[in-house]
Structures are given as C-alpha cells and as structure tokens.
Amino acid sequence: MLPPPAAGVAATIMVYGDSLSAGYGLPQEQNWVSLLQKRLHDEKFDYKVVNLSISGETTLGGKNRIAAALDTHRPAIVILALGANDGLRGQNLDAMRGNLDAMTEACRKFNAKVLLVGMRLPPNYGAAYAKKFQNVFADIAQRRKLPLVPFLLEGFADDREMFQADGIHPAAQAQPLMLETVWKRLRPLLKQQ
C-alpha cells in the first residue's frame, strides 16, 4: 500500500490503452486524452493526465509493462482501455481476460482506482466470438466492482464519417464524443480540489 500524493501535488490519471487512446493519425492536441486534460483543467480538477497508450498494444503487452508504469507514475486513477487488438487478432479470450485481471489487480495493489473501457468487434468476427469478447469487459467489471465504459465508440461506431480513411481509427470530430463517453464514468471517481 502506497501513501497518497502529498497535498498540493496534482494526482495522476494514467490512460493505458492502444491506438484509440494514443490518438493514432491525429495531432496530439486533438485526441480524446488531450481533451480530457483540458476538461479537467477547465472544471478545476487538480489532476494531470499521463497517456501511456501505444498503437497496436495488446492486453499481454499491457500486462508486461504495467508494474513499471504504476511504479513510475503512481496514478490515483487508471483508465484501462486495452483489448481491441486482442479481439481484432482473434486471440484467445481467456488469455485476454487473465491479462486484464492481472492489470486490474496490479492497479489495486497501488491503490489506483480503475475505470475499465470496453470495446466491441465488427460483425465479420462472428456473433459468438464478438459476444464473448464484449462479455469479458462486463464480467471483469462486475466481478471486481469496477466502473465500466461499455463501448468507447458509443454513438458513432456505424458512422463512416467519424473515422479516418482506414475505417478503424476515429477522426478528430469523434474525439469529443469519446471523451464524453469516458467522462460519464470517470467523473464520479474524481475529487474536486
């Protein structure tokens, strides 16, 4: 158990995700994580945001580097947004579940609150696999009593205009929507300074 940050020091929110949180293909200031930092400042929340998201990251990669990330940044809150690449690669969902579980446990040991961010797969992955994939997030959130963002791309996933040319990565105009989706579940975890 680690002590809380000293008074007067901004607490850290660590965003731990993949290209969807890294802002792939966008100027840094346009991604939803940068917009989160601005929102926190504008609404007088004394938090700094550290974005450790890596394009292409899987839950295994995240599990392998989370201890060092937690030790370095000592976050009060971790926004855990990994799993999309596991699903897109058709990886074993039990392994994905185990990796997400290990990361949430590592965060618990550092006294960091976790906001779990879920994802959904396109229909071409088959209904059975897609449903099992989606249920991994809900099951972990329920079992570990974590707040859950069920789907990061809520409200625009079917709107082709909201994505970059690759059809996978959200465009700049989608980033505020992603922020709003996360904010609804993040706001109750925040302490006003």
C-alpha atoms as a PDB file:
ATOM      1  CA  MET A   1       0.000   0.000   0.000  1.00  0.00           C
ATOM      2  CA  LEU A   2       1.382   3.336  -1.057  1.00  0.00           C
ATOM      3  CA  PRO A   3       0.662   6.682   0.562  1.00  0.00           C
ATOM      4  CA  PRO A   4      -1.491   9.165  -1.331  1.00  0.00           C
ATOM      5  CA  PRO A   5       0.235  12.015  -3.149  1.00  0.00           C
ATOM      6  CA  ALA A   6       1.365  14.912  -0.969  1.00  0.00           C
ATOM      7  CA  ALA A   7      -1.023  17.829  -0.534  1.00  0.00           C
ATOM      8  CA  GLY A   8      -0.695  20.381  -3.291  1.00  0.00           C
ATOM      9  CA  VAL A   9       0.549  17.831  -5.806  1.00  0.00           C
ATOM     10  CA  ALA A  10      -1.806  17.047  -8.676  1.00  0.00           C
ATOM     11  CA  ALA A  11      -2.971  13.457  -8.664  1.00  0.00           C
ATOM     12  CA  THR A  12      -2.302  11.476 -11.819  1.00  0.00           C
ATOM     13  CA  ILE A  13      -4.764   9.842 -14.175  1.00  0.00           C
ATOM     14  CA  MET A  14      -2.954   7.249 -16.271  1.00  0.00           C
ATOM     15  CA  VAL A  15      -4.559   6.347 -19.591  1.00  0.00           C
ATOM     16  CA  TYR A  16      -3.402   2.886 -20.537  1.00  0.00           C
ATOM     17  CA  GLY A  17      -4.662   1.887 -23.938  1.00  0.00           C
ATOM     18  CA  ASP A  18      -3.989   1.289 -27.610  1.00  0.00           C
ATOM     19  CA  SER A  19      -4.178   3.416 -30.777  1.00  0.00           C
ATOM     20  CA  LEU A  20      -7.728   4.532 -29.942  1.00  0.00           C
ATOM     21  CA  SER A  21      -6.365   6.330 -26.877  1.00  0.00           C
ATOM     22  CA  ALA A  22      -2.965   7.183 -28.373  1.00  0.00           C
ATOM     23  CA  GLY A  23      -4.735   9.312 -30.980  1.00  0.00           C
ATOM     24  CA  TYR A  24      -3.391   7.431 -33.972  1.00  0.00           C
ATOM     25  CA  GLY A  25      -3.272   9.628 -37.086  1.00  0.00           C
ATOM     26  CA  LEU A  26      -4.193  12.827 -35.240  1.00  0.00           C
ATOM     27  CA  PRO A  27      -2.270  15.815 -33.910  1.00  0.00           C
ATOM     28  CA  GLN A  28      -1.646  15.170 -30.208  1.00  0.00           C
ATOM     29  CA  GLU A  29      -3.866  18.028 -29.014  1.00  0.00           C
ATOM     30  CA  GLN A  30      -6.914  16.589 -30.833  1.00  0.00           C
ATOM     31  CA  ASN A  31      -7.116  13.148 -29.234  1.00  0.00           C
ATOM     32  CA  TRP A  32      -9.653  12.431 -26.502  1.00  0.00           C
ATOM     33  CA  VAL A  33      -6.941  12.080 -23.844  1.00  0.00           C
ATOM     34  CA  SER A  34      -5.641  15.600 -24.524  1.00  0.00           C
ATOM     35  CA  LEU A  35      -9.226  16.836 -24.464  1.00  0.00           C
ATOM     36  CA  LEU A  36      -9.594  15.127 -21.076  1.00  0.00           C
ATOM     37  CA  GLN A  37      -6.672  17.117 -19.661  1.00  0.00           C
ATOM     38  CA  LYS A  38      -8.287  20.325 -20.897  1.00  0.00           C
ATOM     39  CA  ARG A  39     -11.670  19.356 -19.399  1.00  0.00           C
ATOM     40  CA  LEU A  40     -10.090  18.607 -16.028  1.00  0.00           C
ATOM     41  CA  HIS A  41      -8.359  21.992 -16.043  1.00  0.00           C
ATOM     42  CA  ASP A  42     -11.472  23.861 -17.172  1.00  0.00           C
ATOM     43  CA  GLU A  43     -13.600  22.231 -14.484  1.00  0.00           C
ATOM     44  CA  LYS A  44     -10.982  22.882 -11.773  1.00  0.00           C
ATOM     45  CA  PHE A  45      -9.972  19.294 -11.114  1.00  0.00           C
ATOM     46  CA  ASP A  46      -6.371  19.072  -9.961  1.00  0.00           C
ATOM     47  CA  TYR A  47      -5.257  16.063 -11.990  1.00  0.00           C
ATOM     48  CA  LYS A  48      -2.559  15.587 -14.567  1.00  0.00           C
ATOM     49  CA  VAL A  49      -3.085  13.070 -17.323  1.00  0.00           C
ATOM     50  CA  VAL A  50      -0.337  10.724 -18.437  1.00  0.00           C
ATOM     51  CA  ASN A  51      -1.059   8.900 -21.680  1.00  0.00           C
ATOM     52  CA  LEU A  52       0.828   5.607 -21.876  1.00  0.00           C
ATOM     53  CA  SER A  53      -1.236   4.281 -24.760  1.00  0.00           C
ATOM     54  CA  ILE A  54       0.644   2.519 -27.551  1.00  0.00           C
ATOM     55  CA  SER A  55      -0.712   1.845 -31.023  1.00  0.00           C
ATOM     56  CA  GLY A  56      -1.021  -1.897 -31.592  1.00  0.00           C
ATOM     57  CA  GLU A  57      -0.832  -2.728 -27.879  1.00  0.00           C
ATOM     58  CA  THR A  58      -2.487  -5.923 -26.646  1.00  0.00           C
ATOM     59  CA  THR A  59      -3.501  -6.925 -23.157  1.00  0.00           C
ATOM     60  CA  LEU A  60      -0.386  -9.114 -22.930  1.00  0.00           C
ATOM     61  CA  GLY A  61       1.873  -6.175 -23.759  1.00  0.00           C
ATOM     62  CA  GLY A  62      -0.030  -4.038 -21.260  1.00  0.00           C
ATOM     63  CA  LYS A  63       0.281  -6.681 -18.560  1.00  0.00           C
ATOM     64  CA  ASN A  64       4.017  -6.931 -19.158  1.00  0.00           C
ATOM     65  CA  ARG A  65       4.641  -3.217 -18.681  1.00  0.00           C
ATOM     66  CA  ILE A  66       2.047  -2.160 -16.113  1.00  0.00           C
ATOM     67  CA  ALA A  67       4.142  -2.679 -12.977  1.00  0.00           C
ATOM     68  CA  ALA A  68       6.818  -0.270 -14.227  1.00  0.00           C
ATOM     69  CA  ALA A  69       4.164   2.228 -15.358  1.00  0.00           C
ATOM     70  CA  LEU A  70       2.446   2.179 -11.970  1.00  0.00           C
ATOM     71  CA  ASP A  71       5.740   2.482 -10.131  1.00  0.00           C
ATOM     72  CA  THR A  72       6.856   5.433 -12.268  1.00  0.00           C
ATOM     73  CA  HIS A  73       3.609   7.426 -12.345  1.00  0.00           C
ATOM     74  CA  ARG A  74       1.805   6.320  -9.153  1.00  0.00           C
ATOM     75  CA  PRO A  75      -1.626   7.157 -10.547  1.00  0.00           C
ATOM     76  CA  ALA A  76      -4.726   7.771  -8.471  1.00  0.00           C
ATOM     77  CA  ILE A  77      -6.849   6.546 -11.398  1.00  0.00           C
ATOM     78  CA  VAL A  78      -6.060   4.228 -14.296  1.00  0.00           C
ATOM     79  CA  ILE A  79      -8.237   4.315 -17.393  1.00  0.00           C
ATOM     80  CA  LEU A  80      -7.653   0.803 -18.717  1.00  0.00           C
ATOM     81  CA  ALA A  81      -8.580   0.736 -22.403  1.00  0.00           C
ATOM     82  CA  LEU A  82      -6.940  -2.388 -23.805  1.00  0.00           C
ATOM     83  CA  GLY A  83      -8.351  -5.428 -25.583  1.00  0.00           C
ATOM     84  CA  ALA A  84      -9.360  -4.141 -29.023  1.00  0.00           C
ATOM     85  CA  ASN A  85      -6.231  -5.517 -30.675  1.00  0.00           C
ATOM     86  CA  ASP A  86      -6.665  -8.883 -28.940  1.00  0.00           C
ATOM     87  CA  GLY A  87     -10.129  -9.111 -30.460  1.00  0.00           C
ATOM     88  CA  LEU A  88      -9.128  -7.884 -33.905  1.00  0.00           C
ATOM     89  CA  ARG A  89      -6.401 -10.556 -33.971  1.00  0.00           C
ATOM     90  CA  GLY A  90      -8.826 -13.263 -32.870  1.00  0.00           C
ATOM     91  CA  GLN A  91      -6.765 -14.042 -29.796  1.00  0.00           C
ATOM     92  CA  ASN A  92      -7.777 -16.359 -27.003  1.00  0.00           C
ATOM     93  CA  LEU A  93     -10.358 -14.588 -24.847  1.00  0.00           C
ATOM     94  CA  ASP A  94      -9.439 -16.466 -21.671  1.00  0.00           C
ATOM     95  CA  ALA A  95      -5.892 -15.154 -22.043  1.00  0.00           C
ATOM     96  CA  MET A  96      -7.246 -11.640 -22.622  1.00  0.00           C
ATOM     97  CA  ARG A  97      -9.409 -11.940 -19.516  1.00  0.00           C
ATOM     98  CA  GLY A  98      -6.430 -13.109 -17.472  1.00  0.00           C
ATOM     99  CA  ASN A  99      -4.304 -10.212 -18.695  1.00  0.00           C
ATOM    100  CA  LEU A 100      -6.988  -7.628 -17.887  1.00  0.00           C
ATOM    101  CA  ASP A 101      -7.492  -9.245 -14.494  1.00  0.00           C
ATOM    102  CA  ALA A 102      -3.760  -9.095 -13.781  1.00  0.00           C
ATOM    103  CA  MET A 103      -3.647  -5.401 -14.710  1.00  0.00           C
ATOM    104  CA  THR A 104      -6.620  -4.513 -12.513  1.00  0.00           C
ATOM    105  CA  GLU A 105      -5.019  -6.424  -9.635  1.00  0.00           C
ATOM    106  CA  ALA A 106      -1.719  -4.589 -10.143  1.00  0.00           C
ATOM    107  CA  CYS A 107      -3.604  -1.281 -10.002  1.00  0.00           C
ATOM    108  CA  ARG A 108      -5.383  -2.348  -6.812  1.00  0.00           C
ATOM    109  CA  LYS A 109      -2.031  -3.047  -5.151  1.00  0.00           C
ATOM    110  CA  PHE A 110      -1.020   0.536  -5.953  1.00  0.00           C
ATOM    111  CA  ASN A 111      -4.298   1.896  -4.544  1.00  0.00           C
ATOM    112  CA  ALA A 112      -5.270   3.152  -8.001  1.00  0.00           C
ATOM    113  CA  LYS A 113      -8.926   3.229  -8.962  1.00  0.00           C
ATOM    114  CA  VAL A 114      -9.597   1.575 -12.314  1.00  0.00           C
ATOM    115  CA  LEU A 115     -12.042   2.682 -14.979  1.00  0.00           C
ATOM    116  CA  LEU A 116     -12.355  -0.218 -17.411  1.00  0.00           C
ATOM    117  CA  VAL A 117     -13.093   0.748 -21.020  1.00  0.00           C
ATOM    118  CA  GLY A 118     -14.760  -1.882 -23.161  1.00  0.00           C
ATOM    119  CA  MET A 119     -14.797  -2.419 -26.887  1.00  0.00           C
ATOM    120  CA  ARG A 120     -16.936  -4.254 -29.430  1.00  0.00           C
ATOM    121  CA  LEU A 121     -15.910  -6.089 -32.565  1.00  0.00           C
ATOM    122  CA  PRO A 122     -17.218  -5.614 -36.083  1.00  0.00           C
ATOM    123  CA  PRO A 123     -19.843  -8.186 -37.180  1.00  0.00           C
ATOM    124  CA  ASN A 124     -17.426 -10.003 -39.506  1.00  0.00           C
ATOM    125  CA  TYR A 125     -15.806 -11.657 -36.458  1.00  0.00           C
ATOM    126  CA  GLY A 126     -18.902 -13.779 -35.937  1.00  0.00           C
ATOM    127  CA  ALA A 127     -21.661 -13.235 -33.412  1.00  0.00           C
ATOM    128  CA  ALA A 128     -20.443 -15.842 -30.917  1.00  0.00           C
ATOM    129  CA  TYR A 129     -16.848 -14.576 -30.689  1.00  0.00           C
ATOM    130  CA  ALA A 130     -17.955 -10.922 -30.681  1.00  0.00           C
ATOM    131  CA  LYS A 131     -20.408 -11.539 -27.818  1.00  0.00           C
ATOM    132  CA  LYS A 132     -17.825 -13.439 -25.755  1.00  0.00           C
ATOM    133  CA  PHE A 133     -15.311 -10.655 -26.397  1.00  0.00           C
ATOM    134  CA  GLN A 134     -17.733  -7.971 -25.235  1.00  0.00           C
ATOM    135  CA  ASN A 135     -18.687 -10.011 -22.165  1.00  0.00           C
ATOM    136  CA  VAL A 136     -15.064 -10.165 -20.976  1.00  0.00           C
ATOM    137  CA  PHE A 137     -15.197  -6.474 -20.044  1.00  0.00           C
ATOM    138  CA  ALA A 138     -18.601  -6.708 -18.359  1.00  0.00           C
ATOM    139  CA  ASP A 139     -17.598  -9.814 -16.402  1.00  0.00           C
ATOM    140  CA  ILE A 140     -14.378  -8.283 -15.087  1.00  0.00           C
ATOM    141  CA  ALA A 141     -16.124  -5.034 -14.159  1.00  0.00           C
ATOM    142  CA  GLN A 142     -18.845  -6.914 -12.299  1.00  0.00           C
ATOM    143  CA  ARG A 143     -16.510  -9.324 -10.509  1.00  0.00           C
ATOM    144  CA  ARG A 144     -14.027  -6.638  -9.495  1.00  0.00           C
ATOM    145  CA  LYS A 145     -16.708  -3.994  -8.872  1.00  0.00           C
ATOM    146  CA  LEU A 146     -15.162  -1.577 -11.369  1.00  0.00           C
ATOM    147  CA  PRO A 147     -16.878   1.229 -13.231  1.00  0.00           C
ATOM    148  CA  LEU A 148     -17.193   0.291 -16.898  1.00  0.00           C
ATOM    149  CA  VAL A 149     -17.402   2.242 -20.117  1.00  0.00           C
ATOM    150  CA  PRO A 150     -19.138  -0.496 -22.144  1.00  0.00           C
ATOM    151  CA  PHE A 151     -18.040   0.780 -25.569  1.00  0.00           C
ATOM    152  CA  LEU A 152     -15.522   3.557 -26.267  1.00  0.00           C
ATOM    153  CA  LEU A 153     -17.014   4.245 -29.706  1.00  0.00           C
ATOM    154  CA  GLU A 154     -20.581   4.512 -28.400  1.00  0.00           C
ATOM    155  CA  GLY A 155     -22.897   6.572 -30.553  1.00  0.00           C
ATOM    156  CA  PHE A 156     -20.803   6.730 -33.721  1.00  0.00           C
ATOM    157  CA  ALA A 157     -19.337   3.286 -34.472  1.00  0.00           C
ATOM    158  CA  ASP A 158     -21.567   2.890 -37.525  1.00  0.00           C
ATOM    159  CA  ASP A 159     -20.937   6.389 -38.882  1.00  0.00           C
ATOM    160  CA  ARG A 160     -18.254   6.128 -41.571  1.00  0.00           C
ATOM    161  CA  GLU A 161     -17.758   9.939 -41.495  1.00  0.00           C
ATOM    162  CA  MET A 162     -16.434   9.718 -37.933  1.00  0.00           C
ATOM    163  CA  PHE A 163     -13.428   7.607 -38.917  1.00  0.00           C
ATOM    164  CA  GLN A 164     -10.154   8.197 -40.683  1.00  0.00           C
ATOM    165  CA  ALA A 165      -9.562   6.728 -44.152  1.00  0.00           C
ATOM    166  CA  ASP A 166      -8.538   3.349 -42.656  1.00  0.00           C
ATOM    167  CA  GLY A 167     -12.073   2.870 -41.302  1.00  0.00           C
ATOM    168  CA  ILE A 168     -10.668   1.798 -37.924  1.00  0.00           C
ATOM    169  CA  HIS A 169      -9.342   4.876 -36.163  1.00  0.00           C
ATOM    170  CA  PRO A 170     -11.714   7.642 -35.092  1.00  0.00           C
ATOM    171  CA  ALA A 171     -11.300  11.029 -36.773  1.00  0.00           C
ATOM    172  CA  ALA A 172     -10.806  14.328 -34.955  1.00  0.00           C
ATOM    173  CA  GLN A 173     -14.546  15.041 -34.864  1.00  0.00           C
ATOM    174  CA  ALA A 174     -15.132  11.766 -32.981  1.00  0.00           C
ATOM    175  CA  GLN A 175     -12.680  12.557 -30.177  1.00  0.00           C
ATOM    176  CA  PRO A 176     -15.050  14.818 -28.171  1.00  0.00           C
ATOM    177  CA  LEU A 177     -17.661  12.040 -28.323  1.00  0.00           C
ATOM    178  CA  MET A 178     -15.142   9.549 -26.957  1.00  0.00           C
ATOM    179  CA  LEU A 179     -14.272  11.981 -24.176  1.00  0.00           C
ATOM    180  CA  GLU A 180     -17.955  12.366 -23.240  1.00  0.00           C
ATOM    181  CA  THR A 181     -18.382   8.594 -23.155  1.00  0.00           C
ATOM    182  CA  VAL A 182     -15.415   8.216 -20.798  1.00  0.00           C
ATOM    183  CA  TRP A 183     -16.276  11.320 -18.751  1.00  0.00           C
ATOM    184  CA  LYS A 184     -19.677   9.955 -17.699  1.00  0.00           C
ATOM    185  CA  ARG A 185     -17.973   7.103 -15.847  1.00  0.00           C
ATOM    186  CA  LEU A 186     -14.806   8.980 -14.842  1.00  0.00           C
ATOM    187  CA  ARG A 187     -16.478  11.996 -13.237  1.00  0.00           C
ATOM    188  CA  PRO A 188     -17.744  10.089 -10.155  1.00  0.00           C
ATOM    189  CA  LEU A 189     -14.159   8.941  -9.438  1.00  0.00           C
ATOM    190  CA  LEU A 190     -12.754  12.470  -9.345  1.00  0.00           C
ATOM    191  CA  LYS A 191     -12.180  14.549  -6.249  1.00  0.00           C
ATOM    192  CA  GLN A 192     -12.540  18.279  -6.618  1.00  0.00           C
ATOM    193  CA  GLN A 193      -9.534  20.029  -5.108  1.00  0.00           C
END
